[in-house]
């Protein structure tokens, strides 16, 4: 099983905490937002007494960093923009996936409407990457600075991330004559799939 950990560390010196997290949870891919200690402090800490060594692959963005234990299969940069970094990965089971990391502006600096509009651009980047890779096995993680019910997350023009697996398993819905793919948002579990009744009650 491929294990991925994301954390916005907010420029804090958390090398030891990250080392412990990666060790306890056997993390394969560590994705960090706002990390300023990558090569000098973090990598030596992560690799202290480690059986499998972490490396810093190509990270063009200064907002999102991927630190990986070198896999047997490829880990490739697909795209990297200010708020979104996309990597193509082959899992241990042999399945190709896209891992999308997002670090969105805070509500201190953008309105809900501005975030929603920006997310339409991110959604387009994701769909374009899926088209180039030839599949839709995509996982989105990160610091979205939005609630699950906000337009940027759940709108068909944004991520189109829905509340329950039954809906997501339908794969698409038609909006204005165009099929729109779903994402399933597990953060909804607290209001949806983990309830004893129908989702949302």
C-alpha atoms as a PDB file:
ATOM      1  CA  UNK A   1       0.000   0.000   0.000  1.00  0.00           C
ATOM      2  CA  UNK A   2       1.267   3.467  -0.911  1.00  0.00           C
ATOM      3  CA  UNK A   3       1.126   5.845   2.065  1.00  0.00           C
ATOM      4  CA  UNK A   4       0.973   9.592   1.512  1.00  0.00           C
ATOM      5  CA  UNK A   5       1.137  12.300   4.183  1.00  0.00           C
ATOM      6  CA  UNK A   6       0.328  15.968   3.588  1.00  0.00           C
ATOM      7  CA  UNK A   7       0.968  18.775   6.054  1.00  0.00           C
ATOM      8  CA  UNK A   8       1.095  22.550   5.760  1.00  0.00           C
ATOM      9  CA  UNK A   9       3.828  23.166   8.319  1.00  0.00           C
ATOM     10  CA  UNK A  10       3.537  26.969   8.033  1.00  0.00           C
ATOM     11  CA  UNK A  11       7.338  27.471   7.908  1.00  0.00           C
ATOM     12  CA  UNK A  12       7.777  25.848  11.328  1.00  0.00           C
ATOM     13  CA  UNK A  13      10.850  23.738  12.238  1.00  0.00           C
ATOM     14  CA  UNK A  14       9.039  20.426  12.610  1.00  0.00           C
ATOM     15  CA  UNK A  15      11.707  18.048  11.351  1.00  0.00           C
ATOM     16  CA  UNK A  16      11.607  15.774  14.385  1.00  0.00           C
ATOM     17  CA  UNK A  17       7.796  15.593  14.410  1.00  0.00           C
ATOM     18  CA  UNK A  18       7.808  14.741  10.704  1.00  0.00           C
ATOM     19  CA  UNK A  19      10.464  12.074  11.245  1.00  0.00           C
ATOM     20  CA  UNK A  20       8.311  10.428  13.894  1.00  0.00           C
ATOM     21  CA  UNK A  21       5.155  10.642  11.763  1.00  0.00           C
ATOM     22  CA  UNK A  22       6.881   9.115   8.750  1.00  0.00           C
ATOM     23  CA  UNK A  23       8.390   6.359  10.872  1.00  0.00           C
ATOM     24  CA  UNK A  24       5.198   5.439  12.749  1.00  0.00           C
ATOM     25  CA  UNK A  25       2.960   5.536   9.671  1.00  0.00           C
ATOM     26  CA  UNK A  26       5.568   4.141   7.221  1.00  0.00           C
ATOM     27  CA  UNK A  27       5.051   7.072   4.854  1.00  0.00           C
ATOM     28  CA  UNK A  28       6.213   6.644   1.255  1.00  0.00           C
ATOM     29  CA  UNK A  29       5.432  10.125  -0.052  1.00  0.00           C
ATOM     30  CA  UNK A  30       5.580  13.223   2.142  1.00  0.00           C
ATOM     31  CA  UNK A  31       3.980  16.358   0.691  1.00  0.00           C
ATOM     32  CA  UNK A  32       4.604  19.615   2.529  1.00  0.00           C
ATOM     33  CA  UNK A  33       3.310  23.133   2.081  1.00  0.00           C
ATOM     34  CA  UNK A  34       5.342  26.109   3.293  1.00  0.00           C
ATOM     35  CA  UNK A  35       8.458  24.096   4.094  1.00  0.00           C
ATOM     36  CA  UNK A  36      11.692  26.091   4.476  1.00  0.00           C
ATOM     37  CA  UNK A  37      13.963  23.377   5.924  1.00  0.00           C
ATOM     38  CA  UNK A  38      13.981  20.794   3.160  1.00  0.00           C
ATOM     39  CA  UNK A  39      17.572  19.876   2.305  1.00  0.00           C
ATOM     40  CA  UNK A  40      19.495  21.330   5.239  1.00  0.00           C
ATOM     41  CA  UNK A  41      17.406  20.054   8.132  1.00  0.00           C
ATOM     42  CA  UNK A  42      14.480  17.886   7.091  1.00  0.00           C
ATOM     43  CA  UNK A  43      16.127  15.257   4.886  1.00  0.00           C
ATOM     44  CA  UNK A  44      18.880  14.442   7.434  1.00  0.00           C
ATOM     45  CA  UNK A  45      16.205  14.124  10.134  1.00  0.00           C
ATOM     46  CA  UNK A  46      13.964  11.881   8.020  1.00  0.00           C
ATOM     47  CA  UNK A  47      16.863   9.628   7.086  1.00  0.00           C
ATOM     48  CA  UNK A  48      18.262   9.252  10.592  1.00  0.00           C
ATOM     49  CA  UNK A  49      18.220   5.519  11.408  1.00  0.00           C
ATOM     50  CA  UNK A  50      15.829   4.973   8.457  1.00  0.00           C
ATOM     51  CA  UNK A  51      15.739   1.663   6.618  1.00  0.00           C
ATOM     52  CA  UNK A  52      14.542   3.367   3.425  1.00  0.00           C
ATOM     53  CA  UNK A  53      16.017   6.733   2.517  1.00  0.00           C
ATOM     54  CA  UNK A  54      13.952   9.761   1.553  1.00  0.00           C
ATOM     55  CA  UNK A  55      15.072  11.926  -1.360  1.00  0.00           C
ATOM     56  CA  UNK A  56      14.044  15.308  -2.689  1.00  0.00           C
ATOM     57  CA  UNK A  57      12.932  14.866  -6.316  1.00  0.00           C
ATOM     58  CA  UNK A  58      12.345  17.726  -8.723  1.00  0.00           C
ATOM     59  CA  UNK A  59      10.273  20.394  -6.923  1.00  0.00           C
ATOM     60  CA  UNK A  60       9.924  23.529  -9.059  1.00  0.00           C
ATOM     61  CA  UNK A  61       7.344  25.088  -6.724  1.00  0.00           C
ATOM     62  CA  UNK A  62       8.429  26.879  -3.557  1.00  0.00           C
ATOM     63  CA  UNK A  63       4.957  26.334  -2.048  1.00  0.00           C
ATOM     64  CA  UNK A  64       4.628  22.545  -2.344  1.00  0.00           C
ATOM     65  CA  UNK A  65       7.392  19.992  -1.829  1.00  0.00           C
ATOM     66  CA  UNK A  66       7.380  16.239  -2.451  1.00  0.00           C
ATOM     67  CA  UNK A  67       9.808  14.111  -0.450  1.00  0.00           C
ATOM     68  CA  UNK A  68       9.774  10.452  -1.425  1.00  0.00           C
ATOM     69  CA  UNK A  69      11.291   7.121  -0.610  1.00  0.00           C
ATOM     70  CA  UNK A  70      12.515   6.119  -4.086  1.00  0.00           C
ATOM     71  CA  UNK A  71       9.966   3.680  -5.490  1.00  0.00           C
ATOM     72  CA  UNK A  72      10.691   0.855  -7.876  1.00  0.00           C
ATOM     73  CA  UNK A  73       8.273   2.476 -10.319  1.00  0.00           C
ATOM     74  CA  UNK A  74       8.382   5.983 -11.821  1.00  0.00           C
ATOM     75  CA  UNK A  75       7.496   9.168  -9.948  1.00  0.00           C
ATOM     76  CA  UNK A  76       7.167  11.881 -12.590  1.00  0.00           C
ATOM     77  CA  UNK A  77       6.462  15.593 -12.575  1.00  0.00           C
ATOM     78  CA  UNK A  78       3.369  16.330 -14.672  1.00  0.00           C
ATOM     79  CA  UNK A  79       2.834  20.000 -13.865  1.00  0.00           C
ATOM     80  CA  UNK A  80       3.673  22.540 -11.190  1.00  0.00           C
ATOM     81  CA  UNK A  81       1.956  25.893 -10.761  1.00  0.00           C
ATOM     82  CA  UNK A  82       1.676  28.335  -7.885  1.00  0.00           C
ATOM     83  CA  UNK A  83      -1.224  26.559  -6.172  1.00  0.00           C
ATOM     84  CA  UNK A  84      -1.186  23.053  -7.665  1.00  0.00           C
ATOM     85  CA  UNK A  85       1.459  20.359  -8.173  1.00  0.00           C
ATOM     86  CA  UNK A  86       0.685  17.156 -10.081  1.00  0.00           C
ATOM     87  CA  UNK A  87       2.775  13.985 -10.134  1.00  0.00           C
ATOM     88  CA  UNK A  88       2.304  10.695 -11.984  1.00  0.00           C
ATOM     89  CA  UNK A  89       2.992   7.651  -9.837  1.00  0.00           C
ATOM     90  CA  UNK A  90       2.892   3.908 -10.378  1.00  0.00           C
ATOM     91  CA  UNK A  91       1.649   2.210  -7.207  1.00  0.00           C
ATOM     92  CA  UNK A  92       3.077  -1.080  -5.843  1.00  0.00           C
ATOM     93  CA  UNK A  93       0.036  -2.835  -7.371  1.00  0.00           C
ATOM     94  CA  UNK A  94       1.087  -1.587 -10.804  1.00  0.00           C
ATOM     95  CA  UNK A  95      -1.730   0.971 -11.191  1.00  0.00           C
ATOM     96  CA  UNK A  96      -0.834   4.405 -12.521  1.00  0.00           C
ATOM     97  CA  UNK A  97      -2.329   7.282 -10.516  1.00  0.00           C
ATOM     98  CA  UNK A  98      -2.116  11.047 -10.441  1.00  0.00           C
ATOM     99  CA  UNK A  99      -1.329  12.688  -7.111  1.00  0.00           C
ATOM    100  CA  UNK A 100      -2.499  16.300  -7.018  1.00  0.00           C
ATOM    101  CA  UNK A 101      -1.313  18.533  -4.170  1.00  0.00           C
ATOM    102  CA  UNK A 102      -3.083  21.859  -3.667  1.00  0.00           C
ATOM    103  CA  UNK A 103      -2.122  24.804  -1.474  1.00  0.00           C
ATOM    104  CA  UNK A 104      -4.823  27.418  -1.781  1.00  0.00           C
ATOM    105  CA  UNK A 105      -4.830  31.033  -0.601  1.00  0.00           C
ATOM    106  CA  UNK A 106      -6.287  31.685   2.827  1.00  0.00           C
ATOM    107  CA  UNK A 107      -9.613  33.392   3.378  1.00  0.00           C
ATOM    108  CA  UNK A 108      -7.550  36.180   4.936  1.00  0.00           C
ATOM    109  CA  UNK A 109      -6.596  37.130   1.382  1.00  0.00           C
ATOM    110  CA  UNK A 110      -9.387  35.813  -0.854  1.00  0.00           C
ATOM    111  CA  UNK A 111     -13.138  35.722  -0.715  1.00  0.00           C
ATOM    112  CA  UNK A 112     -15.128  32.513  -1.094  1.00  0.00           C
ATOM    113  CA  UNK A 113     -16.065  33.675  -4.597  1.00  0.00           C
ATOM    114  CA  UNK A 114     -12.426  34.297  -5.567  1.00  0.00           C
ATOM    115  CA  UNK A 115     -11.433  30.868  -4.264  1.00  0.00           C
ATOM    116  CA  UNK A 116     -14.215  29.230  -6.262  1.00  0.00           C
ATOM    117  CA  UNK A 117     -13.133  30.980  -9.464  1.00  0.00           C
ATOM    118  CA  UNK A 118      -9.499  30.009  -8.919  1.00  0.00           C
ATOM    119  CA  UNK A 119     -10.535  26.407  -8.329  1.00  0.00           C
ATOM    120  CA  UNK A 120     -12.063  26.268 -11.817  1.00  0.00           C
ATOM    121  CA  UNK A 121      -8.539  26.808 -13.179  1.00  0.00           C
ATOM    122  CA  UNK A 122      -7.140  24.082 -10.926  1.00  0.00           C
ATOM    123  CA  UNK A 123      -9.916  21.690 -11.995  1.00  0.00           C
ATOM    124  CA  UNK A 124      -9.018  22.371 -15.634  1.00  0.00           C
ATOM    125  CA  UNK A 125      -5.352  21.582 -14.911  1.00  0.00           C
ATOM    126  CA  UNK A 126      -6.351  18.294 -13.290  1.00  0.00           C
ATOM    127  CA  UNK A 127      -8.613  17.258 -16.185  1.00  0.00           C
ATOM    128  CA  UNK A 128      -5.928  18.227 -18.698  1.00  0.00           C
ATOM    129  CA  UNK A 129      -3.362  16.104 -16.822  1.00  0.00           C
ATOM    130  CA  UNK A 130      -5.817  13.182 -16.758  1.00  0.00           C
ATOM    131  CA  UNK A 131      -6.279  13.528 -20.496  1.00  0.00           C
ATOM    132  CA  UNK A 132      -2.517  13.429 -21.086  1.00  0.00           C
ATOM    133  CA  UNK A 133      -2.050  10.433 -18.790  1.00  0.00           C
ATOM    134  CA  UNK A 134      -5.037   8.567 -20.244  1.00  0.00           C
ATOM    135  CA  UNK A 135      -6.850   7.794 -16.975  1.00  0.00           C
ATOM    136  CA  UNK A 136      -8.855   9.407 -14.169  1.00  0.00           C
ATOM    137  CA  UNK A 137      -7.300   7.606 -11.187  1.00  0.00           C
ATOM    138  CA  UNK A 138      -6.611  10.847  -9.370  1.00  0.00           C
ATOM    139  CA  UNK A 139      -6.125  11.660  -5.697  1.00  0.00           C
ATOM    140  CA  UNK A 140      -6.322  15.293  -4.578  1.00  0.00           C
ATOM    141  CA  UNK A 141      -4.783  16.261  -1.249  1.00  0.00           C
ATOM    142  CA  UNK A 142      -3.739  19.500   0.346  1.00  0.00           C
ATOM    143  CA  UNK A 143      -4.652  22.664   2.137  1.00  0.00           C
ATOM    144  CA  UNK A 144      -7.680  23.946   0.245  1.00  0.00           C
ATOM    145  CA  UNK A 145      -8.728  26.520   2.849  1.00  0.00           C
ATOM    146  CA  UNK A 146     -12.334  25.677   1.965  1.00  0.00           C
ATOM    147  CA  UNK A 147     -15.130  23.698   3.578  1.00  0.00           C
ATOM    148  CA  UNK A 148     -16.437  20.562   1.779  1.00  0.00           C
ATOM    149  CA  UNK A 149     -19.719  22.312   0.944  1.00  0.00           C
ATOM    150  CA  UNK A 150     -18.199  25.445  -0.638  1.00  0.00           C
ATOM    151  CA  UNK A 151     -18.604  25.992  -4.400  1.00  0.00           C
ATOM    152  CA  UNK A 152     -14.914  25.606  -5.225  1.00  0.00           C
ATOM    153  CA  UNK A 153     -14.954  22.080  -3.823  1.00  0.00           C
ATOM    154  CA  UNK A 154     -18.409  20.742  -4.693  1.00  0.00           C
ATOM    155  CA  UNK A 155     -19.448  22.706  -7.803  1.00  0.00           C
ATOM    156  CA  UNK A 156     -19.315  20.933 -11.160  1.00  0.00           C
ATOM    157  CA  UNK A 157     -17.140  23.834 -12.366  1.00  0.00           C
ATOM    158  CA  UNK A 158     -14.683  23.184  -9.513  1.00  0.00           C
ATOM    159  CA  UNK A 159     -13.511  19.866  -8.114  1.00  0.00           C
ATOM    160  CA  UNK A 160     -17.039  18.421  -8.176  1.00  0.00           C
ATOM    161  CA  UNK A 161     -16.279  16.516  -4.967  1.00  0.00           C
ATOM    162  CA  UNK A 162     -19.362  14.831  -3.570  1.00  0.00           C
ATOM    163  CA  UNK A 163     -20.610  13.652  -0.214  1.00  0.00           C
ATOM    164  CA  UNK A 164     -20.959   9.887  -0.640  1.00  0.00           C
ATOM    165  CA  UNK A 165     -19.404   6.995  -2.524  1.00  0.00           C
ATOM    166  CA  UNK A 166     -22.687   5.928  -4.098  1.00  0.00           C
ATOM    167  CA  UNK A 167     -22.848   9.205  -6.001  1.00  0.00           C
ATOM    168  CA  UNK A 168     -19.137   9.220  -6.846  1.00  0.00           C
ATOM    169  CA  UNK A 169     -19.397   5.655  -8.186  1.00  0.00           C
ATOM    170  CA  UNK A 170     -21.738   6.935 -10.887  1.00  0.00           C
ATOM    171  CA  UNK A 171     -18.556   8.636 -12.186  1.00  0.00           C
ATOM    172  CA  UNK A 172     -20.265  11.539 -13.975  1.00  0.00           C
ATOM    173  CA  UNK A 173     -23.344  13.716 -14.176  1.00  0.00           C
ATOM    174  CA  UNK A 174     -24.473  15.782 -17.127  1.00  0.00           C
ATOM    175  CA  UNK A 175     -24.378  19.556 -16.687  1.00  0.00           C
ATOM    176  CA  UNK A 176     -25.498  21.745 -19.613  1.00  0.00           C
ATOM    177  CA  UNK A 177     -25.110  18.770 -21.947  1.00  0.00           C
ATOM    178  CA  UNK A 178     -21.566  17.988 -20.813  1.00  0.00           C
ATOM    179  CA  UNK A 179     -20.452  15.048 -18.666  1.00  0.00           C
ATOM    180  CA  UNK A 180     -18.657  16.175 -15.504  1.00  0.00           C
ATOM    181  CA  UNK A 181     -16.534  13.699 -13.563  1.00  0.00           C
ATOM    182  CA  UNK A 182     -16.977  13.355  -9.801  1.00  0.00           C
ATOM    183  CA  UNK A 183     -14.430  13.297  -7.032  1.00  0.00           C
ATOM    184  CA  UNK A 184     -15.346  11.617  -3.756  1.00  0.00           C
ATOM    185  CA  UNK A 185     -14.493  13.786  -0.730  1.00  0.00           C
ATOM    186  CA  UNK A 186     -13.822  11.608   2.350  1.00  0.00           C
ATOM    187  CA  UNK A 187     -13.858  14.693   4.587  1.00  0.00           C
ATOM    188  CA  UNK A 188     -17.624  14.508   4.209  1.00  0.00           C
ATOM    189  CA  UNK A 189     -17.555  11.245   6.203  1.00  0.00           C
ATOM    190  CA  UNK A 190     -18.328  13.143   9.359  1.00  0.00           C
ATOM    191  CA  UNK A 191     -21.599  14.316   7.782  1.00  0.00           C
ATOM    192  CA  UNK A 192     -22.158  11.505   5.297  1.00  0.00           C
ATOM    193  CA  UNK A 193     -20.955   7.918   4.966  1.00  0.00           C
ATOM    194  CA  UNK A 194     -20.107   7.432   8.637  1.00  0.00           C
ATOM    195  CA  UNK A 195     -23.596   8.385   9.811  1.00  0.00           C
ATOM    196  CA  UNK A 196     -26.060   5.625  10.705  1.00  0.00           C
ATOM    197  CA  UNK A 197     -28.730   6.931   8.347  1.00  0.00           C
ATOM    198  CA  UNK A 198     -28.704   8.440   4.854  1.00  0.00           C
ATOM    199  CA  UNK A 199     -25.806  10.802   4.110  1.00  0.00           C
ATOM    200  CA  UNK A 200     -26.329  14.317   5.423  1.00  0.00           C
ATOM    201  CA  UNK A 201     -28.739  13.424   8.239  1.00  0.00           C
END
